[in-house]
Amino acid sequence: MTRLNLNPAELIDEVCPVREVLDRVAGKWSILIIGAAAHGPIRFTELERSIEGISRRMLSLTLRNLERDGLLTRTVYPTVPPRVEYRLTDIAEELHESLLSLTDWAHRHRDSIVAARHAYDTQRVISES
C-alpha cells in the first residue's frame, strides 16, 4: 500500500513515529549538539561551553535522548576521573548534512523571507485600519 492510500488509522500509525523523530532532532538543543559534535568526538564540558544557554540538566537529558535514538555514541574511558566522549553515528552524520542543506537554504532565502514578512505585516496594518 502506498502512503497516499493509507486509511486514517494507518496514517496515524505511520506519522506518529516520524513526528516523534522529527520533534527530537529538530529541537534547538539537539541541533546545536549535533553541530558541535560534527567535527569529531567531543566531551561533555566542551559541549557545555560551546552551547550558550544550555543547562547541565538539559545537556545531559538531550545527550541521553540522542544516544537512545542512535544518533550519538557515548564512550567512557577508564581514567580518574572518567573521561566521556560523544561522537555522531553514521545516521547523525547524514542528518548533519541535511541540517547544513537547510541552513544553506535559509541563508539563500533570508532576504526573500524578510521581504515577504514585511509585505504581509504592511498589508495586515492597512487591512486592519
Protein backbone atom coordinates (compact mmCIF):
# COMPACT_ATOMS: atom_id res chain seq x y z
CA MET A 1 0.00 0.00 0.00
CA THR A 2 1.41 3.41 -0.91
CA ARG A 3 1.47 6.24 1.60
CA LEU A 4 -1.20 8.07 -0.39
CA ASN A 5 -3.63 5.17 0.03
CA LEU A 6 -3.35 4.82 3.80
CA ASN A 7 -6.56 4.87 5.80
CA PRO A 8 -6.66 7.32 8.76
CA ALA A 9 -5.60 4.73 11.36
CA GLU A 10 -2.67 3.58 9.21
CA LEU A 11 -1.68 7.17 8.54
CA ILE A 12 -1.59 7.95 12.28
CA ASP A 13 0.47 4.80 12.91
CA GLU A 14 2.96 5.91 10.27
CA VAL A 15 3.04 9.63 11.11
CA CYS A 16 3.39 9.36 14.90
CA PRO A 17 6.86 7.73 14.90
CA VAL A 18 8.05 10.12 12.20
CA ARG A 19 6.72 13.09 14.14
CA GLU A 20 8.42 11.84 17.29
CA VAL A 21 11.75 11.55 15.48
CA LEU A 22 11.38 14.99 13.89
CA ASP A 23 10.43 16.54 17.23
CA ARG A 24 13.58 15.09 18.76
CA VAL A 25 16.06 16.01 16.04
CA ALA A 26 14.53 19.41 15.27
CA GLY A 27 14.81 20.57 18.86
CA LYS A 28 17.03 23.57 19.47
CA TRP A 29 19.45 21.73 21.75
CA SER A 30 19.65 18.61 19.58
CA ILE A 31 20.58 20.63 16.52
CA LEU A 32 23.27 22.53 18.43
CA ILE A 33 24.71 19.33 19.94
CA ILE A 34 24.78 17.59 16.55
CA GLY A 35 26.51 20.64 15.05
CA ALA A 36 29.07 20.75 17.86
CA ALA A 37 29.79 17.01 17.63
CA ALA A 38 30.08 17.06 13.83
CA HIS A 39 33.79 17.82 13.96
CA GLY A 40 34.71 14.68 15.87
CA PRO A 41 34.47 13.32 19.40
CA ILE A 42 33.54 15.91 21.98
CA ARG A 43 33.44 15.87 25.76
CA PHE A 44 30.55 16.94 27.97
CA THR A 45 32.35 20.03 29.25
CA GLU A 46 33.29 21.07 25.72
CA LEU A 47 29.64 20.79 24.70
CA GLU A 48 28.57 22.74 27.77
CA ARG A 49 30.98 25.56 26.94
CA SER A 50 30.15 25.65 23.23
CA ILE A 51 26.35 25.73 23.57
CA GLU A 52 25.31 29.03 25.06
CA GLY A 53 22.32 28.91 27.39
CA ILE A 54 22.05 25.15 27.86
CA SER A 55 21.84 23.93 31.45
CA ARG A 56 23.77 20.87 32.61
CA ARG A 57 20.49 19.06 33.17
CA MET A 58 19.18 19.85 29.67
CA LEU A 59 22.52 18.88 28.12
CA SER A 60 22.50 15.55 29.98
CA LEU A 61 18.89 14.84 29.03
CA THR A 62 19.40 15.74 25.37
CA LEU A 63 22.59 13.69 25.13
CA ARG A 64 20.81 10.71 26.66
CA ASN A 65 17.92 11.04 24.20
CA LEU A 66 20.23 11.39 21.21
CA GLU A 67 22.16 8.32 22.37
CA ARG A 68 18.90 6.41 22.87
CA ASP A 69 17.81 7.33 19.33
CA GLY A 70 21.08 6.04 17.90
CA LEU A 71 22.39 9.46 16.91
CA LEU A 72 25.29 9.62 19.36
CA THR A 73 27.64 7.09 20.83
CA ARG A 74 28.96 7.62 24.33
CA THR A 75 32.39 6.26 25.19
CA VAL A 76 33.63 6.17 28.78
CA TYR A 77 37.39 5.88 29.20
CA PRO A 78 38.64 4.21 32.40
CA THR A 79 40.59 7.15 33.77
CA VAL A 80 40.34 9.02 37.05
CA PRO A 81 38.16 10.97 36.75
CA PRO A 82 36.39 9.06 33.96
CA ARG A 83 36.61 10.74 30.57
CA VAL A 84 33.44 10.60 28.47
CA GLU A 85 33.27 11.45 24.78
CA TYR A 86 30.32 11.73 22.43
CA ARG A 87 30.52 11.02 18.72
CA LEU A 88 27.95 11.22 15.93
CA THR A 89 26.79 7.94 14.46
CA ASP A 90 26.57 7.44 10.72
CA ILE A 91 22.89 8.36 10.67
CA ALA A 92 23.58 11.51 12.67
CA GLU A 93 26.31 12.48 10.21
CA GLU A 94 23.72 12.11 7.45
CA LEU A 95 21.31 14.24 9.50
CA HIS A 96 24.04 16.85 9.94
CA GLU A 97 24.43 17.07 6.16
CA SER A 98 20.67 17.65 5.88
CA LEU A 99 20.86 20.35 8.54
CA LEU A 100 23.66 22.04 6.60
CA SER A 101 21.46 21.98 3.49
CA LEU A 102 18.58 23.50 5.46
CA THR A 103 20.90 26.18 6.88
CA ASP A 104 22.19 26.94 3.39
CA TRP A 105 18.60 27.23 2.14
CA ALA A 106 17.77 29.64 4.97
CA HIS A 107 20.78 31.82 4.16
CA ARG A 108 19.94 31.88 0.45
CA HIS A 109 16.31 32.85 1.04
CA ARG A 110 16.70 35.07 4.10
CA ASP A 111 16.15 38.32 2.19
CA SER A 112 13.05 36.95 0.41
CA ILE A 113 11.56 35.82 3.72
CA VAL A 114 12.23 39.19 5.35
CA ALA A 115 10.62 40.96 2.37
CA ALA A 116 7.59 38.63 2.48
CA ARG A 117 7.16 39.26 6.22
CA HIS A 118 7.36 43.00 5.69
CA ALA A 119 4.78 42.87 2.87
CA TYR A 120 2.47 40.69 4.97
CA ASP A 121 2.76 42.92 8.04
CA THR A 122 2.21 46.06 5.96
CA GLN A 123 -0.88 44.56 4.32
CA ARG A 124 -2.26 43.50 7.73
CA VAL A 125 -1.85 47.01 9.11
CA ILE A 126 -3.60 48.50 6.06
CA SER A 127 -6.48 45.98 6.17
CA GLU A 128 -6.98 46.40 9.93
CA SER A 129 -7.15 50.19 9.66
